[in-house]
């Protein structure tokens, strides 16, 4: 409407000038001046029309503007870049010698040979629980780039296989990062993501370090790809109870308290062909039933991890080793310490010594076809941590299930990506558990996976 009024005014002015030039006798100079004024009015009108057309063309495109990161866009009216992503994944699982569940947890393979659980031969399962979704943002600030990341999947509890096959959505990552400081929930600083292999099995191999938890993390870069990463992380004591301890088992523990956070120090170096890291973990383990049974002990752990690519990036390999006491929560579901002694003093909480690691090799046969083979192993001295353990210790009492003294796994897969963001593969898994005071447990699994990323 405004443009129409402006055009009418300009046209009216031009017409008036033209009529005046035609009705009033004038000299040649006056006629030239009038013509110049008419031309000037026409030029202004054309400029306004071009400006209006340009605005109509640019407005729709300006609503979606490319962001500062690949595959991101800017939120309208802000300088924040947003990116969404995730994948849908279907897993087809066949357990040859018993039902081990939706993923290969190390507790599941502990069913002793000859037991009722191990005797149930063959089980077929399809599920899409691993599917996930995430949102990330980046915003420039006077203090550096502000990054946020929220991610979840459907590996939570709940649901059934009767009608809807629904599963609860659960939180995986939720953190913010401003400059060198990260705060929120994400991978533990004690992990070595660069040293982990690609497997279809969601739980992954034995010998892995794997935990997500709330933390505050500071990263100091020395330049050249070298950095020191410090963190304080959420603590959680998970003790077992010795039934053969002096004087009998202590009273129920309830929920053990945690007085101080866990502390992690990691030095890492990244170069064009890979990355390596060394890390140290320090933590306090504590039990207190609020009556008479209480004690604390010290836990610590170290790791070395490396992942590299070579052979013109057609081949990759990785190695991860760890050792420590009281670090079970970072490597597998098992007690980090054993509580020994009668009700009240002199009850003693003793950390469990643990060691393990994994090694893997991946080769890309073509641009779309690759395969990986992985060997992993965990070992824990539960008996040594229990007073009187040399006389034997009942694993069912210590942790509620037959407890493994050692576990090792082999994963071998063939993965095909016919187009970008699609992976179809098959994987064979063998797992062995050396159980305390029980027959050993073994597992054979074949898994197919269909993963579609966005």
Protein backbone atom coordinates (compact mmCIF):
# COMPACT_ATOMS: atom_id res chain seq x y z
CA UNK A 1 0.00 0.00 0.00
CA UNK A 2 2.83 2.38 0.86
CA UNK A 3 4.57 1.60 -2.44
CA UNK A 4 1.34 2.25 -4.35
CA UNK A 5 0.90 5.68 -2.73
CA UNK A 6 4.51 6.62 -3.53
CA UNK A 7 4.08 5.56 -7.16
CA UNK A 8 0.86 7.58 -7.42
CA UNK A 9 2.56 10.66 -6.02
CA UNK A 10 5.51 10.35 -8.39
CA UNK A 11 3.25 9.73 -11.39
CA UNK A 12 1.08 12.67 -10.43
CA UNK A 13 4.11 14.93 -10.15
CA UNK A 14 5.39 13.75 -13.52
CA UNK A 15 2.03 14.31 -15.17
CA UNK A 16 1.77 17.81 -13.74
CA UNK A 17 5.20 18.70 -15.02
CA UNK A 18 4.35 17.30 -18.47
CA UNK A 19 1.08 19.25 -18.70
CA UNK A 20 2.80 22.42 -17.61
CA UNK A 21 5.43 21.93 -20.29
CA UNK A 22 2.77 21.44 -22.94
CA UNK A 23 0.50 24.40 -21.98
CA UNK A 24 2.92 27.12 -21.09
CA UNK A 25 5.18 28.72 -23.73
CA UNK A 26 8.77 28.14 -22.74
CA UNK A 27 12.27 28.56 -24.01
CA UNK A 28 14.42 25.64 -25.12
CA UNK A 29 16.37 25.75 -21.84
CA UNK A 30 13.17 25.57 -19.78
CA UNK A 31 11.90 22.64 -21.85
CA UNK A 32 15.21 20.78 -21.33
CA UNK A 33 15.00 21.41 -17.57
CA UNK A 34 11.43 20.08 -17.44
CA UNK A 35 12.45 16.98 -19.37
CA UNK A 36 15.33 16.44 -16.92
CA UNK A 37 12.93 16.64 -13.99
CA UNK A 38 10.57 14.11 -15.61
CA UNK A 39 13.47 11.72 -16.25
CA UNK A 40 14.62 12.10 -12.64
CA UNK A 41 11.12 11.23 -11.39
CA UNK A 42 10.99 8.16 -13.64
CA UNK A 43 14.42 6.99 -12.40
CA UNK A 44 13.28 7.26 -8.77
CA UNK A 45 10.13 5.27 -9.52
CA UNK A 46 12.15 2.51 -11.25
CA UNK A 47 14.57 2.33 -8.31
CA UNK A 48 11.71 1.94 -5.84
CA UNK A 49 10.19 -0.85 -7.95
CA UNK A 50 13.53 -2.71 -8.11
CA UNK A 51 14.00 -2.37 -4.35
CA UNK A 52 10.55 -3.75 -3.66
CA UNK A 53 11.09 -6.75 -5.97
CA UNK A 54 14.46 -7.45 -4.35
CA UNK A 55 12.89 -7.47 -0.87
CA UNK A 56 10.19 -9.90 -1.99
CA UNK A 57 12.82 -12.26 -3.41
CA UNK A 58 15.24 -12.17 -0.42
CA UNK A 59 12.74 -12.48 2.44
CA UNK A 60 11.93 -16.22 2.04
CA UNK A 61 15.60 -17.22 1.68
CA UNK A 62 16.61 -15.19 4.73
CA UNK A 63 14.27 -17.29 6.91
CA UNK A 64 16.72 -20.26 6.66
CA UNK A 65 20.37 -19.22 6.75
CA UNK A 66 23.37 -21.58 6.74
CA UNK A 67 24.99 -21.97 10.15
CA UNK A 68 28.63 -21.88 11.21
CA UNK A 69 28.96 -25.70 11.29
CA UNK A 70 28.36 -28.29 8.54
CA UNK A 71 24.70 -29.30 8.18
CA UNK A 72 23.55 -26.53 10.54
CA UNK A 73 21.33 -23.50 10.15
CA UNK A 74 20.84 -20.31 12.12
CA UNK A 75 17.80 -19.87 14.31
CA UNK A 76 15.81 -16.94 12.82
CA UNK A 77 16.65 -13.64 14.47
CA UNK A 78 19.73 -15.02 16.29
CA UNK A 79 23.39 -15.82 15.67
CA UNK A 80 22.94 -19.36 17.07
CA UNK A 81 23.60 -22.26 14.71
CA UNK A 82 21.55 -25.43 15.29
CA UNK A 83 22.03 -28.98 14.09
CA UNK A 84 19.82 -32.01 14.61
CA UNK A 85 20.81 -35.60 13.99
CA UNK A 86 20.57 -39.19 15.06
CA UNK A 87 19.65 -42.50 13.54
CA UNK A 88 17.06 -45.26 13.43
CA UNK A 89 18.51 -48.73 13.98
CA UNK A 90 17.03 -52.21 13.85
CA UNK A 91 18.90 -55.08 15.52
CA UNK A 92 18.19 -58.72 14.73
CA UNK A 93 19.77 -60.94 17.38
CA UNK A 94 20.01 -64.72 17.59
CA UNK A 95 21.54 -66.26 20.70
CA UNK A 96 22.60 -69.81 19.94
CA UNK A 97 22.85 -71.09 23.50
CA UNK A 98 20.40 -68.99 25.59
CA UNK A 99 18.64 -65.65 25.78
CA UNK A 100 21.17 -62.94 26.65
CA UNK A 101 18.90 -59.92 26.25
CA UNK A 102 18.83 -56.90 23.96
CA UNK A 103 22.57 -56.22 24.23
CA UNK A 104 25.59 -58.26 25.26
CA UNK A 105 26.10 -57.11 28.85
CA UNK A 106 28.85 -58.94 30.72
CA UNK A 107 26.47 -59.96 33.50
CA UNK A 108 24.30 -61.81 30.95
CA UNK A 109 27.11 -64.11 29.85
CA UNK A 110 27.68 -65.25 33.43
CA UNK A 111 25.01 -67.97 33.31
CA UNK A 112 26.97 -71.12 34.32
CA UNK A 113 27.11 -73.97 31.86
CA UNK A 114 24.51 -76.57 32.81
CA UNK A 115 22.29 -74.05 34.63
CA UNK A 116 18.64 -73.57 33.70
CA UNK A 117 19.42 -70.25 32.01
CA UNK A 118 22.24 -71.73 29.93
CA UNK A 119 20.18 -74.78 28.94
CA UNK A 120 17.53 -72.69 27.14
CA UNK A 121 18.92 -73.12 23.65
CA UNK A 122 18.24 -70.52 20.95
CA UNK A 123 16.48 -67.17 21.12
CA UNK A 124 15.55 -64.71 18.35
CA UNK A 125 14.97 -61.00 19.08
CA UNK A 126 14.25 -57.89 16.98
CA UNK A 127 14.25 -54.39 18.48
CA UNK A 128 14.88 -50.74 17.61
CA UNK A 129 15.85 -49.58 21.10
CA UNK A 130 19.25 -48.22 20.08
CA UNK A 131 17.68 -45.51 17.88
CA UNK A 132 18.66 -42.05 19.07
CA UNK A 133 18.13 -38.32 18.53
CA UNK A 134 20.26 -35.28 19.34
CA UNK A 135 20.30 -31.50 19.10
CA UNK A 136 23.43 -29.33 19.12
CA UNK A 137 23.87 -25.56 19.04
CA UNK A 138 26.81 -23.15 18.68
CA UNK A 139 26.66 -19.46 19.63
CA UNK A 140 29.55 -16.96 19.35
CA UNK A 141 30.10 -14.95 22.54
CA UNK A 142 32.66 -12.51 23.94
CA UNK A 143 34.10 -15.45 25.93
CA UNK A 144 34.38 -17.81 22.97
CA UNK A 145 31.99 -20.25 21.37
CA UNK A 146 29.08 -21.55 23.45
CA UNK A 147 28.16 -25.13 22.56
CA UNK A 148 25.21 -27.17 23.86
CA UNK A 149 24.41 -30.82 23.23
CA UNK A 150 21.35 -32.87 24.28
CA UNK A 151 21.04 -36.51 23.23
CA UNK A 152 18.85 -39.46 24.13
CA UNK A 153 17.92 -42.95 22.99
CA UNK A 154 15.36 -45.65 23.80
CA UNK A 155 17.60 -48.04 25.75
CA UNK A 156 15.82 -47.08 28.97
CA UNK A 157 13.56 -49.30 31.05
CA UNK A 158 9.88 -49.96 30.47
CA UNK A 159 7.92 -51.33 27.58
CA UNK A 160 7.12 -54.88 26.61
CA UNK A 161 6.91 -57.14 23.57
CA UNK A 162 3.18 -57.84 23.81
CA UNK A 163 1.54 -55.03 21.79
CA UNK A 164 3.37 -51.75 21.27
CA UNK A 165 7.00 -52.81 21.92
CA UNK A 166 7.49 -49.36 23.44
CA UNK A 167 10.60 -48.40 25.41
CA UNK A 168 11.37 -45.42 27.62
CA UNK A 169 13.40 -42.52 26.25
CA UNK A 170 16.50 -41.90 28.35
CA UNK A 171 19.09 -39.16 28.69
CA UNK A 172 22.56 -39.83 27.26
CA UNK A 173 24.21 -36.41 26.97
CA UNK A 174 23.20 -32.98 28.25
CA UNK A 175 25.99 -30.44 28.57
CA UNK A 176 27.17 -26.96 27.74
CA UNK A 177 30.69 -25.89 26.80
CA UNK A 178 31.97 -22.32 26.93
CA UNK A 179 35.61 -21.92 25.97
CA UNK A 180 37.68 -24.53 27.84
CA UNK A 181 34.97 -25.40 30.41
CA UNK A 182 32.34 -28.12 29.98
CA UNK A 183 29.54 -28.73 32.50
CA UNK A 184 26.84 -31.38 32.29
CA UNK A 185 26.50 -35.08 31.54
CA UNK A 186 28.64 -36.75 28.89
CA UNK A 187 31.37 -39.39 28.49
CA UNK A 188 33.68 -39.70 31.47
CA UNK A 189 37.06 -38.07 31.07
CA UNK A 190 38.52 -41.48 32.02
CA UNK A 191 37.27 -42.95 28.73
CA UNK A 192 39.33 -43.24 25.53
CA UNK A 193 36.78 -42.91 22.73
CA UNK A 194 39.50 -42.82 20.08
CA UNK A 195 40.62 -46.32 21.09
CA UNK A 196 37.19 -47.98 20.74
CA UNK A 197 36.20 -50.24 17.80
CA UNK A 198 33.09 -50.18 15.59
CA UNK A 199 30.72 -52.99 16.57
CA UNK A 200 27.04 -53.74 16.01
CA UNK A 201 26.79 -54.97 19.60
CA UNK A 202 25.56 -52.02 21.67
CA UNK A 203 27.39 -53.10 24.84
CA UNK A 204 30.69 -53.58 23.02
CA UNK A 205 33.63 -55.83 23.95
CA UNK A 206 35.13 -56.72 27.32
CA UNK A 207 38.09 -54.54 28.33
CA UNK A 208 36.20 -51.36 27.53
CA UNK A 209 36.04 -48.23 29.73
CA UNK A 210 32.51 -46.93 29.39
CA UNK A 211 30.43 -44.58 31.55
CA UNK A 212 28.45 -41.37 31.04
CA UNK A 213 27.92 -39.10 34.04
CA UNK A 214 27.61 -35.52 35.24
CA UNK A 215 30.88 -33.61 35.50
CA UNK A 216 32.73 -30.32 35.29
CA UNK A 217 35.67 -30.51 32.88
CA UNK A 218 38.48 -28.09 32.02
CA UNK A 219 40.67 -28.51 28.91
CA UNK A 220 44.01 -26.73 28.55
CA UNK A 221 45.53 -26.85 25.08
CA UNK A 222 49.32 -26.74 24.74
CA UNK A 223 49.06 -26.43 20.96
CA UNK A 224 50.16 -28.91 18.34
CA UNK A 225 47.28 -31.27 19.21
CA UNK A 226 48.34 -31.79 22.86
CA UNK A 227 45.95 -31.02 25.72
CA UNK A 228 45.52 -31.62 29.45
CA UNK A 229 41.94 -32.42 30.51
CA UNK A 230 40.88 -32.21 34.18
CA UNK A 231 37.48 -33.17 35.57
CA UNK A 232 35.47 -33.72 38.74
CA UNK A 233 32.75 -36.32 38.18
CA UNK A 234 29.75 -37.85 39.88
CA UNK A 235 30.76 -40.51 42.45
CA UNK A 236 28.92 -43.78 43.09
CA UNK A 237 30.07 -46.56 45.41
CA UNK A 238 28.87 -50.04 44.45
CA UNK A 239 30.06 -52.51 47.09
CA UNK A 240 29.60 -56.25 47.44
CA UNK A 241 29.24 -58.07 50.76
CA UNK A 242 31.34 -61.04 51.82
CA UNK A 243 29.31 -63.87 53.32
CA UNK A 244 32.39 -65.69 54.58
CA UNK A 245 33.90 -62.71 56.35
CA UNK A 246 34.86 -62.94 59.99
CA UNK A 247 31.79 -62.93 62.22
CA UNK A 248 29.27 -63.24 59.37
CA UNK A 249 27.85 -60.73 56.90
CA UNK A 250 27.34 -57.09 57.93
CA UNK A 251 23.90 -55.53 58.13
CA UNK A 252 22.19 -54.21 55.00
CA UNK A 253 23.98 -51.28 53.39
CA UNK A 254 21.04 -49.42 51.93
CA UNK A 255 22.26 -46.71 49.55
CA UNK A 256 25.94 -45.99 50.26
CA UNK A 257 26.80 -42.28 50.62
CA UNK A 258 29.44 -40.47 48.55
CA UNK A 259 31.27 -37.65 50.29
CA UNK A 260 33.55 -36.37 47.53
CA UNK A 261 33.51 -36.49 43.69
CA UNK A 262 35.74 -38.60 41.49
CA UNK A 263 38.80 -36.85 40.01
CA UNK A 264 40.24 -37.57 36.54
CA UNK A 265 43.43 -36.25 34.93
CA UNK A 266 44.07 -37.00 31.25
CA UNK A 267 46.87 -36.03 28.86
CA UNK A 268 46.03 -36.52 25.19
CA UNK A 269 47.70 -35.90 21.84
CA UNK A 270 46.01 -35.79 18.44
CA UNK A 271 47.76 -35.89 15.06
CA UNK A 272 46.65 -36.35 11.47
CA UNK A 273 46.67 -40.17 11.63
CA UNK A 274 45.19 -40.73 15.10
CA UNK A 275 45.12 -39.97 18.80
CA UNK A 276 46.55 -41.33 22.08
CA UNK A 277 45.84 -40.67 25.74
CA UNK A 278 47.00 -41.53 29.25
CA UNK A 279 44.69 -40.93 32.20
CA UNK A 280 44.52 -41.31 35.98
CA UNK A 281 41.39 -41.69 38.12
CA UNK A 282 41.17 -41.09 41.89
CA UNK A 283 38.08 -41.79 43.97
CA UNK A 284 36.81 -42.52 47.46
CA UNK A 285 34.58 -45.54 48.13
CA UNK A 286 32.31 -45.39 51.16
CA UNK A 287 29.66 -47.42 52.96
CA UNK A 288 27.52 -46.33 55.90
CA UNK A 289 24.26 -48.00 56.93
CA UNK A 290 23.54 -45.25 59.45
CA UNK A 291 23.78 -47.64 62.39
CA UNK A 292 27.15 -49.18 63.09
CA UNK A 293 28.64 -50.40 59.81
CA UNK A 294 30.74 -47.78 58.04
CA UNK A 295 34.11 -47.52 56.34
CA UNK A 296 35.90 -45.81 53.46
CA UNK A 297 38.68 -46.87 51.13
CA UNK A 298 40.67 -45.33 48.29
CA UNK A 299 40.20 -46.21 44.62
CA UNK A 300 42.44 -45.38 41.68
CA UNK A 301 42.98 -46.34 38.06
CA UNK A 302 45.13 -45.62 35.01
CA UNK A 303 44.63 -46.15 31.29
CA UNK A 304 46.53 -45.94 28.03
CA UNK A 305 44.59 -45.72 24.77
CA UNK A 306 45.55 -45.23 21.12
CA UNK A 307 43.73 -45.29 17.82
CA UNK A 308 45.48 -44.86 14.45
CA UNK A 309 44.80 -45.04 10.71
CA UNK A 310 47.38 -46.14 8.15
CA UNK A 311 47.69 -47.77 4.71
CA UNK A 312 46.28 -44.62 3.11
CA UNK A 313 43.47 -44.67 5.74
CA UNK A 314 42.23 -48.04 4.50
CA UNK A 315 43.26 -49.73 7.75
CA UNK A 316 42.73 -48.67 11.37
CA UNK A 317 43.77 -50.21 14.68
CA UNK A 318 43.32 -49.48 18.37
CA UNK A 319 44.60 -50.52 21.77
CA UNK A 320 43.25 -49.80 25.26
CA UNK A 321 44.65 -51.12 28.57
CA UNK A 322 43.67 -50.23 32.13
CA UNK A 323 44.59 -51.18 35.69
CA UNK A 324 43.36 -50.06 39.11
CA UNK A 325 41.53 -50.69 42.35
CA UNK A 326 37.91 -49.84 43.02
CA UNK A 327 37.16 -48.78 39.43
CA UNK A 328 34.52 -51.39 38.50
CA UNK A 329 31.82 -48.84 37.72
CA UNK A 330 34.00 -47.43 34.92
CA UNK A 331 34.54 -50.75 33.18
CA UNK A 332 31.66 -53.15 33.96
CA UNK A 333 28.76 -53.87 36.29
CA UNK A 334 30.53 -55.44 39.27
CA UNK A 335 31.36 -54.48 42.87
CA UNK A 336 34.15 -51.94 43.19
CA UNK A 337 34.87 -53.09 46.75
CA UNK A 338 33.94 -55.87 49.17
CA UNK A 339 32.67 -55.14 52.69
CA UNK A 340 34.18 -57.59 55.16
CA UNK A 341 33.46 -58.01 58.83
CA UNK A 342 30.61 -58.35 61.33
CA UNK A 343 27.91 -55.81 62.11
CA UNK A 344 29.71 -52.74 63.42
CA UNK A 345 33.48 -52.43 63.90
CA UNK A 346 35.79 -53.80 62.64
CA UNK A 347 33.89 -53.92 59.32
CA UNK A 348 36.33 -53.22 56.49
CA UNK A 349 35.70 -52.01 52.94
CA UNK A 350 38.40 -53.39 50.60
CA UNK A 351 38.79 -52.26 46.97
CA UNK A 352 38.76 -54.88 44.22
CA UNK A 353 41.84 -54.93 41.96
CA UNK A 354 40.96 -54.91 38.26
CA UNK A 355 42.81 -55.02 34.94
CA UNK A 356 41.85 -55.40 31.32
CA UNK A 357 41.93 -54.02 27.83
CA UNK A 358 41.09 -54.59 24.20
CA UNK A 359 42.77 -54.62 20.80
CA UNK A 360 41.14 -54.30 17.40
CA UNK A 361 41.83 -54.04 13.68
CA UNK A 362 39.56 -52.66 10.95
CA UNK A 363 40.13 -52.83 7.20
CA UNK A 364 38.21 -51.10 4.40
CA UNK A 365 37.99 -53.57 1.53
CA UNK A 366 36.25 -51.04 -0.72
CA UNK A 367 34.79 -47.56 -0.32
CA UNK A 368 31.57 -49.15 1.00
CA UNK A 369 32.70 -52.43 2.62
CA UNK A 370 34.68 -52.77 5.86
CA UNK A 371 35.22 -55.34 8.61
CA UNK A 372 36.44 -55.27 12.21
CA UNK A 373 37.80 -57.91 14.58
CA UNK A 374 38.08 -57.21 18.33
CA UNK A 375 39.46 -59.08 21.33
CA UNK A 376 38.70 -57.78 24.83
CA UNK A 377 39.40 -59.04 28.35
CA UNK A 378 38.54 -58.07 31.94
CA UNK A 379 39.97 -59.53 35.15
CA UNK A 380 39.02 -58.76 38.75
CA UNK A 381 40.35 -60.13 42.06
CA UNK A 382 37.10 -60.38 44.01
CA UNK A 383 38.35 -63.27 46.12
CA UNK A 384 41.49 -61.38 47.11
CA UNK A 385 39.40 -58.42 48.27
CA UNK A 386 37.31 -60.61 50.60
CA UNK A 387 38.63 -61.52 54.04
CA UNK A 388 38.68 -65.31 54.22
CA UNK A 389 38.26 -65.45 50.47
CA UNK A 390 40.86 -68.17 50.12
CA UNK A 391 38.37 -70.53 51.73
CA UNK A 392 35.88 -69.77 48.95
CA UNK A 393 33.33 -67.06 48.37
CA UNK A 394 29.73 -67.41 47.14
CA UNK A 395 29.33 -65.16 44.12
CA UNK A 396 25.54 -65.08 44.52
CA UNK A 397 25.96 -63.48 47.93
CA UNK A 398 28.58 -61.00 46.78
CA UNK A 399 26.66 -59.55 43.86
CA UNK A 400 23.33 -61.30 43.49
CA UNK A 401 24.41 -63.39 40.47
CA UNK A 402 27.29 -65.78 39.81
CA UNK A 403 30.25 -63.43 39.74
CA UNK A 404 32.92 -63.62 37.05
CA UNK A 405 36.59 -63.56 37.99
CA UNK A 406 37.48 -62.96 34.33
CA UNK A 407 35.63 -62.23 31.10
CA UNK A 408 36.79 -62.17 27.51
CA UNK A 409 35.01 -61.57 24.22
CA UNK A 410 35.62 -61.76 20.47
CA UNK A 411 33.67 -59.66 17.96
CA UNK A 412 34.00 -60.08 14.18
CA UNK A 413 31.82 -58.18 11.73
CA UNK A 414 31.30 -57.20 8.10
CA UNK A 415 29.71 -53.78 7.52
CA UNK A 416 28.36 -52.38 4.25
CA UNK A 417 27.42 -48.76 3.53
CA UNK A 418 25.80 -48.78 0.06
CA UNK A 419 25.09 -45.05 0.36
CA UNK A 420 26.25 -42.43 2.87
CA UNK A 421 24.53 -42.57 6.28
CA UNK A 422 23.37 -46.17 5.83
CA UNK A 423 25.12 -49.16 7.44
CA UNK A 424 24.00 -52.77 7.08
CA UNK A 425 26.07 -55.44 8.77
CA UNK A 426 26.43 -58.84 10.38
CA UNK A 427 28.48 -59.67 13.49
CA UNK A 428 29.49 -62.83 15.34
CA UNK A 429 30.17 -62.60 19.08
CA UNK A 430 31.76 -65.15 21.38
CA UNK A 431 32.04 -64.47 25.10
CA UNK A 432 33.51 -66.43 28.00
CA UNK A 433 33.06 -65.85 31.74
CA UNK A 434 35.23 -67.61 34.34
CA UNK A 435 32.91 -67.77 37.35
CA UNK A 436 33.69 -68.01 41.05
CA UNK A 437 32.59 -71.28 42.68
CA UNK A 438 30.59 -72.23 39.62
CA UNK A 439 30.90 -73.70 36.16
CA UNK A 440 32.05 -71.22 33.51
CA UNK A 441 29.66 -69.41 31.20
CA UNK A 442 29.89 -69.07 27.41
CA UNK A 443 27.85 -67.26 24.77
CA UNK A 444 27.53 -67.47 20.99
CA UNK A 445 25.56 -64.69 19.28
CA UNK A 446 24.86 -63.65 15.68
CA UNK A 447 23.61 -60.10 15.18
CA UNK A 448 22.39 -58.21 12.12
CA UNK A 449 22.03 -54.44 12.12
CA UNK A 450 20.32 -51.86 9.88
CA UNK A 451 21.30 -48.29 10.72
CA UNK A 452 19.91 -45.20 8.96
CA UNK A 453 21.44 -41.89 10.07
CA UNK A 454 20.26 -38.32 9.47
